[in-house]
Amino acid sequence: MSLSVTLADANILISRTLRDYLAYAAKLGAIDINWSESILDETTRNLIKVFGPVAWARQAP
């Protein structure tokens, strides 16, 4: 099987279903997922818009 290199865009990383499919394919060794710092920045901005700024930033005391 040949390995396919995949660039995950922000809309893929935000969608739970699409992200899970890509993670599963990577776990099976079918693809190699990549992203850039700017894609992670865009993902973070959009997650904050949807879920608010503290949804994942909370830490246990």
PDB file of N, CA and C in Angstrom:
ATOM      1  N   MET A   1       0.845  -1.168   0.000  1.00  0.00           N
ATOM      2  CA  MET A   1       0.000   0.000   0.000  1.00  0.00           C
ATOM      3  C   MET A   1       0.895   1.238   0.000  1.00  0.00           C
ATOM      4  N   SER A   2       0.575   2.206  -0.853  1.00  0.00           N
ATOM      5  CA  SER A   2       1.356   3.440  -0.865  1.00  0.00           C
ATOM      6  C   SER A   2       0.761   4.433   0.123  1.00  0.00           C
ATOM      7  N   LEU A   3       1.633   5.213   0.741  1.00  0.00           N
ATOM      8  CA  LEU A   3       1.223   6.203   1.733  1.00  0.00           C
ATOM      9  C   LEU A   3       0.866   7.489   1.016  1.00  0.00           C
ATOM     10  N   SER A   4      -0.296   8.029   1.348  1.00  0.00           N
ATOM     11  CA  SER A   4      -0.744   9.287   0.760  1.00  0.00           C
ATOM     12  C   SER A   4      -0.545  10.402   1.770  1.00  0.00           C
ATOM     13  N   VAL A   5       0.115  11.468   1.364  1.00  0.00           N
ATOM     14  CA  VAL A   5       0.328  12.615   2.232  1.00  0.00           C
ATOM     15  C   VAL A   5      -0.902  13.513   2.130  1.00  0.00           C
ATOM     16  N   THR A   6      -1.455  13.888   3.285  1.00  0.00           N
ATOM     17  CA  THR A   6      -2.696  14.643   3.336  1.00  0.00           C
ATOM     18  C   THR A   6      -2.482  15.933   4.111  1.00  0.00           C
ATOM     19  N   LEU A   7      -2.963  17.043   3.554  1.00  0.00           N
ATOM     20  CA  LEU A   7      -2.932  18.327   4.249  1.00  0.00           C
ATOM     21  C   LEU A   7      -4.323  18.574   4.822  1.00  0.00           C
ATOM     22  N   ALA A   8      -4.417  18.613   6.145  1.00  0.00           N
ATOM     23  CA  ALA A   8      -5.701  18.833   6.808  1.00  0.00           C
ATOM     24  C   ALA A   8      -5.932  20.325   6.960  1.00  0.00           C
ATOM     25  N   ASP A   9      -6.983  20.832   6.334  1.00  0.00           N
ATOM     26  CA  ASP A   9      -7.338  22.236   6.437  1.00  0.00           C
ATOM     27  C   ASP A   9      -8.149  22.459   7.718  1.00  0.00           C
ATOM     28  N   ALA A  10      -8.348  23.724   8.072  1.00  0.00           N
ATOM     29  CA  ALA A  10      -9.046  24.053   9.317  1.00  0.00           C
ATOM     30  C   ALA A  10     -10.455  23.465   9.360  1.00  0.00           C
ATOM     31  N   ASN A  11     -11.174  23.486   8.255  1.00  0.00           N
ATOM     32  CA  ASN A  11     -12.537  22.950   8.268  1.00  0.00           C
ATOM     33  C   ASN A  11     -12.557  21.446   8.527  1.00  0.00           C
ATOM     34  N   ILE A  12     -11.494  20.747   8.183  1.00  0.00           N
ATOM     35  CA  ILE A  12     -11.384  19.316   8.482  1.00  0.00           C
ATOM     36  C   ILE A  12     -11.085  19.118   9.972  1.00  0.00           C
ATOM     37  N   LEU A  13     -10.188  19.934  10.514  1.00  0.00           N
ATOM     38  CA  LEU A  13      -9.811  19.786  11.924  1.00  0.00           C
ATOM     39  C   LEU A  13     -10.935  20.189  12.873  1.00  0.00           C
ATOM     40  N   ILE A  14     -11.820  21.082  12.443  1.00  0.00           N
ATOM     41  CA  ILE A  14     -12.930  21.508  13.292  1.00  0.00           C
ATOM     42  C   ILE A  14     -14.039  20.458  13.310  1.00  0.00           C
ATOM     43  N   SER A  15     -14.304  19.851  12.182  1.00  0.00           N
ATOM     44  CA  SER A  15     -15.365  18.851  12.086  1.00  0.00           C
ATOM     45  C   SER A  15     -14.956  17.570  12.805  1.00  0.00           C
ATOM     46  N   ARG A  16     -15.698  17.207  13.820  1.00  0.00           N
ATOM     47  CA  ARG A  16     -15.360  16.000  14.589  1.00  0.00           C
ATOM     48  C   ARG A  16     -15.373  14.756  13.707  1.00  0.00           C
ATOM     49  N   THR A  17     -16.388  14.634  12.859  1.00  0.00           N
ATOM     50  CA  THR A  17     -16.511  13.451  12.006  1.00  0.00           C
ATOM     51  C   THR A  17     -15.347  13.343  11.023  1.00  0.00           C
ATOM     52  N   LEU A  18     -15.062  14.442  10.317  1.00  0.00           N
ATOM     53  CA  LEU A  18     -13.977  14.413   9.339  1.00  0.00           C
ATOM     54  C   LEU A  18     -12.626  14.205  10.012  1.00  0.00           C
ATOM     55  N   ARG A  19     -12.420  14.869  11.143  1.00  0.00           N
ATOM     56  CA  ARG A  19     -11.162  14.716  11.888  1.00  0.00           C
ATOM     57  C   ARG A  19     -10.986  13.270  12.343  1.00  0.00           C
ATOM     58  N   ASP A  20     -12.062  12.656  12.828  1.00  0.00           N
ATOM     59  CA  ASP A  20     -11.987  11.264  13.275  1.00  0.00           C
ATOM     60  C   ASP A  20     -11.680  10.309  12.120  1.00  0.00           C
ATOM     61  N   TYR A  21     -12.285  10.556  10.952  1.00  0.00           N
ATOM     62  CA  TYR A  21     -11.995   9.718   9.782  1.00  0.00           C
ATOM     63  C   TYR A  21     -10.521   9.820   9.389  1.00  0.00           C
ATOM     64  N   LEU A  22     -10.000  11.050   9.359  1.00  0.00           N
ATOM     65  CA  LEU A  22      -8.590  11.213   9.010  1.00  0.00           C
ATOM     66  C   LEU A  22      -7.674  10.578  10.048  1.00  0.00           C
ATOM     67  N   ALA A  23      -7.998  10.752  11.321  1.00  0.00           N
ATOM     68  CA  ALA A  23      -7.172  10.161  12.377  1.00  0.00           C
ATOM     69  C   ALA A  23      -7.192   8.635  12.279  1.00  0.00           C
ATOM     70  N   TYR A  24      -8.344   8.063  11.976  1.00  0.00           N
ATOM     71  CA  TYR A  24      -8.459   6.612  11.827  1.00  0.00           C
ATOM     72  C   TYR A  24      -7.634   6.126  10.634  1.00  0.00           C
ATOM     73  N   ALA A  25      -7.739   6.840   9.507  1.00  0.00           N
ATOM     74  CA  ALA A  25      -6.961   6.454   8.324  1.00  0.00           C
ATOM     75  C   ALA A  25      -5.461   6.556   8.602  1.00  0.00           C
ATOM     76  N   ALA A  26      -5.058   7.572   9.358  1.00  0.00           N
ATOM     77  CA  ALA A  26      -3.638   7.718   9.711  1.00  0.00           C
ATOM     78  C   ALA A  26      -3.194   6.599  10.646  1.00  0.00           C
ATOM     79  N   LYS A  27      -4.067   6.238  11.578  1.00  0.00           N
ATOM     80  CA  LYS A  27      -3.735   5.153  12.509  1.00  0.00           C
ATOM     81  C   LYS A  27      -3.537   3.832  11.760  1.00  0.00           C
ATOM     82  N   LEU A  28      -4.329   3.636  10.714  1.00  0.00           N
ATOM     83  CA  LEU A  28      -4.195   2.421   9.900  1.00  0.00           C
ATOM     84  C   LEU A  28      -2.984   2.478   8.975  1.00  0.00           C
ATOM     85  N   GLY A  29      -2.371   3.662   8.858  1.00  0.00           N
ATOM     86  CA  GLY A  29      -1.212   3.807   7.996  1.00  0.00           C
ATOM     87  C   GLY A  29      -1.558   4.127   6.557  1.00  0.00           C
ATOM     88  N   ALA A  30      -2.810   4.471   6.297  1.00  0.00           N
ATOM     89  CA  ALA A  30      -3.233   4.761   4.924  1.00  0.00           C
ATOM     90  C   ALA A  30      -2.816   6.151   4.472  1.00  0.00           C
ATOM     91  N   ILE A  31      -2.722   7.099   5.417  1.00  0.00           N
ATOM     92  CA  ILE A  31      -2.339   8.466   5.075  1.00  0.00           C
ATOM     93  C   ILE A  31      -1.384   9.014   6.136  1.00  0.00           C
ATOM     94  N   ASP A  32      -0.707  10.073   5.755  1.00  0.00           N
ATOM     95  CA  ASP A  32       0.150  10.822   6.667  1.00  0.00           C
ATOM     96  C   ASP A  32      -0.441  12.228   6.740  1.00  0.00           C
ATOM     97  N   ILE A  33      -1.001  12.611   7.889  1.00  0.00           N
ATOM     98  CA  ILE A  33      -1.678  13.905   8.034  1.00  0.00           C
ATOM     99  C   ILE A  33      -0.664  14.994   8.366  1.00  0.00           C
ATOM    100  N   ASN A  34      -0.798  16.122   7.691  1.00  0.00           N
ATOM    101  CA  ASN A  34       0.045  17.286   7.934  1.00  0.00           C
ATOM    102  C   ASN A  34      -0.833  18.526   8.043  1.00  0.00           C
ATOM    103  N   TRP A  35      -0.332  19.553   8.731  1.00  0.00           N
ATOM    104  CA  TRP A  35      -0.976  20.860   8.802  1.00  0.00           C
ATOM    105  C   TRP A  35       0.090  21.886   9.096  1.00  0.00           C
ATOM    106  N   SER A  36      -0.251  23.136   8.885  1.00  0.00           N
ATOM    107  CA  SER A  36       0.702  24.211   9.108  1.00  0.00           C
ATOM    108  C   SER A  36       0.302  25.002  10.351  1.00  0.00           C
ATOM    109  N   GLU A  37       1.198  25.868  10.780  1.00  0.00           N
ATOM    110  CA  GLU A  37       0.908  26.736  11.926  1.00  0.00           C
ATOM    111  C   GLU A  37      -0.274  27.655  11.613  1.00  0.00           C
ATOM    112  N   SER A  38      -0.358  28.144  10.383  1.00  0.00           N
ATOM    113  CA  SER A  38      -1.477  29.021  10.026  1.00  0.00           C
ATOM    114  C   SER A  38      -2.805  28.267  10.019  1.00  0.00           C
ATOM    115  N   ILE A  39      -2.794  26.992   9.644  1.00  0.00           N
ATOM    116  CA  ILE A  39      -4.016  26.177   9.702  1.00  0.00           C
ATOM    117  C   ILE A  39      -4.431  25.978  11.157  1.00  0.00           C
ATOM    118  N   LEU A  40      -3.483  25.726  12.047  1.00  0.00           N
ATOM    119  CA  LEU A  40      -3.815  25.595  13.469  1.00  0.00           C
ATOM    120  C   LEU A  40      -4.342  26.903  14.046  1.00  0.00           C
ATOM    121  N   ASP A  41      -3.785  28.030  13.618  1.00  0.00           N
ATOM    122  CA  ASP A  41      -4.279  29.335  14.057  1.00  0.00           C
ATOM    123  C   ASP A  41      -5.727  29.551  13.609  1.00  0.00           C
ATOM    124  N   GLU A  42      -6.003  29.227  12.355  1.00  0.00           N
ATOM    125  CA  GLU A  42      -7.366  29.367  11.828  1.00  0.00           C
ATOM    126  C   GLU A  42      -8.324  28.438  12.567  1.00  0.00           C
ATOM    127  N   THR A  43      -7.889  27.224  12.835  1.00  0.00           N
ATOM    128  CA  THR A  43      -8.707  26.273  13.578  1.00  0.00           C
ATOM    129  C   THR A  43      -9.029  26.816  14.966  1.00  0.00           C
ATOM    130  N   THR A  44      -8.034  27.338  15.652  1.00  0.00           N
ATOM    131  CA  THR A  44      -8.223  27.890  16.986  1.00  0.00           C
ATOM    132  C   THR A  44      -9.196  29.061  16.959  1.00  0.00           C
ATOM    133  N   ARG A  45      -9.018  29.984  16.018  1.00  0.00           N
ATOM    134  CA  ARG A  45      -9.928  31.137  15.912  1.00  0.00           C
ATOM    135  C   ARG A  45     -11.368  30.687  15.707  1.00  0.00           C
ATOM    136  N   ASN A  46     -11.572  29.712  14.831  1.00  0.00           N
ATOM    137  CA  ASN A  46     -12.926  29.244  14.546  1.00  0.00           C
ATOM    138  C   ASN A  46     -13.526  28.458  15.709  1.00  0.00           C
ATOM    139  N   LEU A  47     -12.721  27.680  16.413  1.00  0.00           N
ATOM    140  CA  LEU A  47     -13.215  26.974  17.592  1.00  0.00           C
ATOM    141  C   LEU A  47     -13.645  27.953  18.683  1.00  0.00           C
ATOM    142  N   ILE A  48     -12.887  29.036  18.831  1.00  0.00           N
ATOM    143  CA  ILE A  48     -13.247  30.060  19.812  1.00  0.00           C
ATOM    144  C   ILE A  48     -14.560  30.732  19.416  1.00  0.00           C
ATOM    145  N   LYS A  49     -14.755  30.999  18.125  1.00  0.00           N
ATOM    146  CA  LYS A  49     -16.015  31.592  17.658  1.00  0.00           C
ATOM    147  C   LYS A  49     -17.198  30.681  17.957  1.00  0.00           C
ATOM    148  N   VAL A  50     -17.011  29.387  17.778  1.00  0.00           N
ATOM    149  CA  VAL A  50     -18.108  28.432  17.941  1.00  0.00           C
ATOM    150  C   VAL A  50     -18.354  28.075  19.403  1.00  0.00           C
ATOM    151  N   PHE A  51     -17.298  27.807  20.156  1.00  0.00           N
ATOM    152  CA  PHE A  51     -17.446  27.264  21.499  1.00  0.00           C
ATOM    153  C   PHE A  51     -17.068  28.228  22.617  1.00  0.00           C
ATOM    154  N   GLY A  52     -16.501  29.356  22.288  1.00  0.00           N
ATOM    155  CA  GLY A  52     -16.088  30.309  23.307  1.00  0.00           C
ATOM    156  C   GLY A  52     -14.626  30.125  23.671  1.00  0.00           C
ATOM    157  N   PRO A  53     -14.041  31.147  24.306  1.00  0.00           N
ATOM    158  CA  PRO A  53     -12.601  31.148  24.551  1.00  0.00           C
ATOM    159  C   PRO A  53     -12.119  30.211  25.651  1.00  0.00           C
ATOM    160  N   VAL A  54     -12.991  29.724  26.511  1.00  0.00           N
ATOM    161  CA  VAL A  54     -12.512  28.913  27.631  1.00  0.00           C
ATOM    162  C   VAL A  54     -12.932  27.451  27.534  1.00  0.00           C
ATOM    163  N   ALA A  55     -13.509  27.056  26.426  1.00  0.00           N
ATOM    164  CA  ALA A  55     -14.011  25.691  26.309  1.00  0.00           C
ATOM    165  C   ALA A  55     -12.944  24.641  26.532  1.00  0.00           C
ATOM    166  N   TRP A  56     -11.737  24.848  26.025  1.00  0.00           N
ATOM    167  CA  TRP A  56     -10.656  23.863  26.199  1.00  0.00           C
ATOM    168  C   TRP A  56      -9.485  24.428  26.991  1.00  0.00           C
ATOM    169  N   ALA A  57      -9.589  25.690  27.393  1.00  0.00           N
ATOM    170  CA  ALA A  57      -8.464  26.313  28.106  1.00  0.00           C
ATOM    171  C   ALA A  57      -8.542  26.107  29.621  1.00  0.00           C
ATOM    172  N   ARG A  58      -9.623  25.546  30.109  1.00  0.00           N
ATOM    173  CA  ARG A  58      -9.761  25.330  31.548  1.00  0.00           C
ATOM    174  C   ARG A  58      -8.794  24.265  32.036  1.00  0.00           C
ATOM    175  N   GLN A  59      -8.201  24.534  33.161  1.00  0.00           N
ATOM    176  CA  GLN A  59      -7.265  23.573  33.755  1.00  0.00           C
ATOM    177  C   GLN A  59      -7.726  23.252  35.163  1.00  0.00           C
ATOM    178  N   ALA A  60      -7.461  22.038  35.584  1.00  0.00           N
ATOM    179  CA  ALA A  60      -7.823  21.634  36.945  1.00  0.00           C
ATOM    180  C   ALA A  60      -6.973  22.403  37.934  1.00  0.00           C
ATOM    181  N   PRO A  61      -7.560  22.801  39.074  1.00  0.00           N
ATOM    182  CA  PRO A  61      -6.791  23.550  40.080  1.00  0.00           C
ATOM    183  C   PRO A  61      -5.688  22.721  40.709  1.00  0.00           C
TER     184      PRO A  61
END
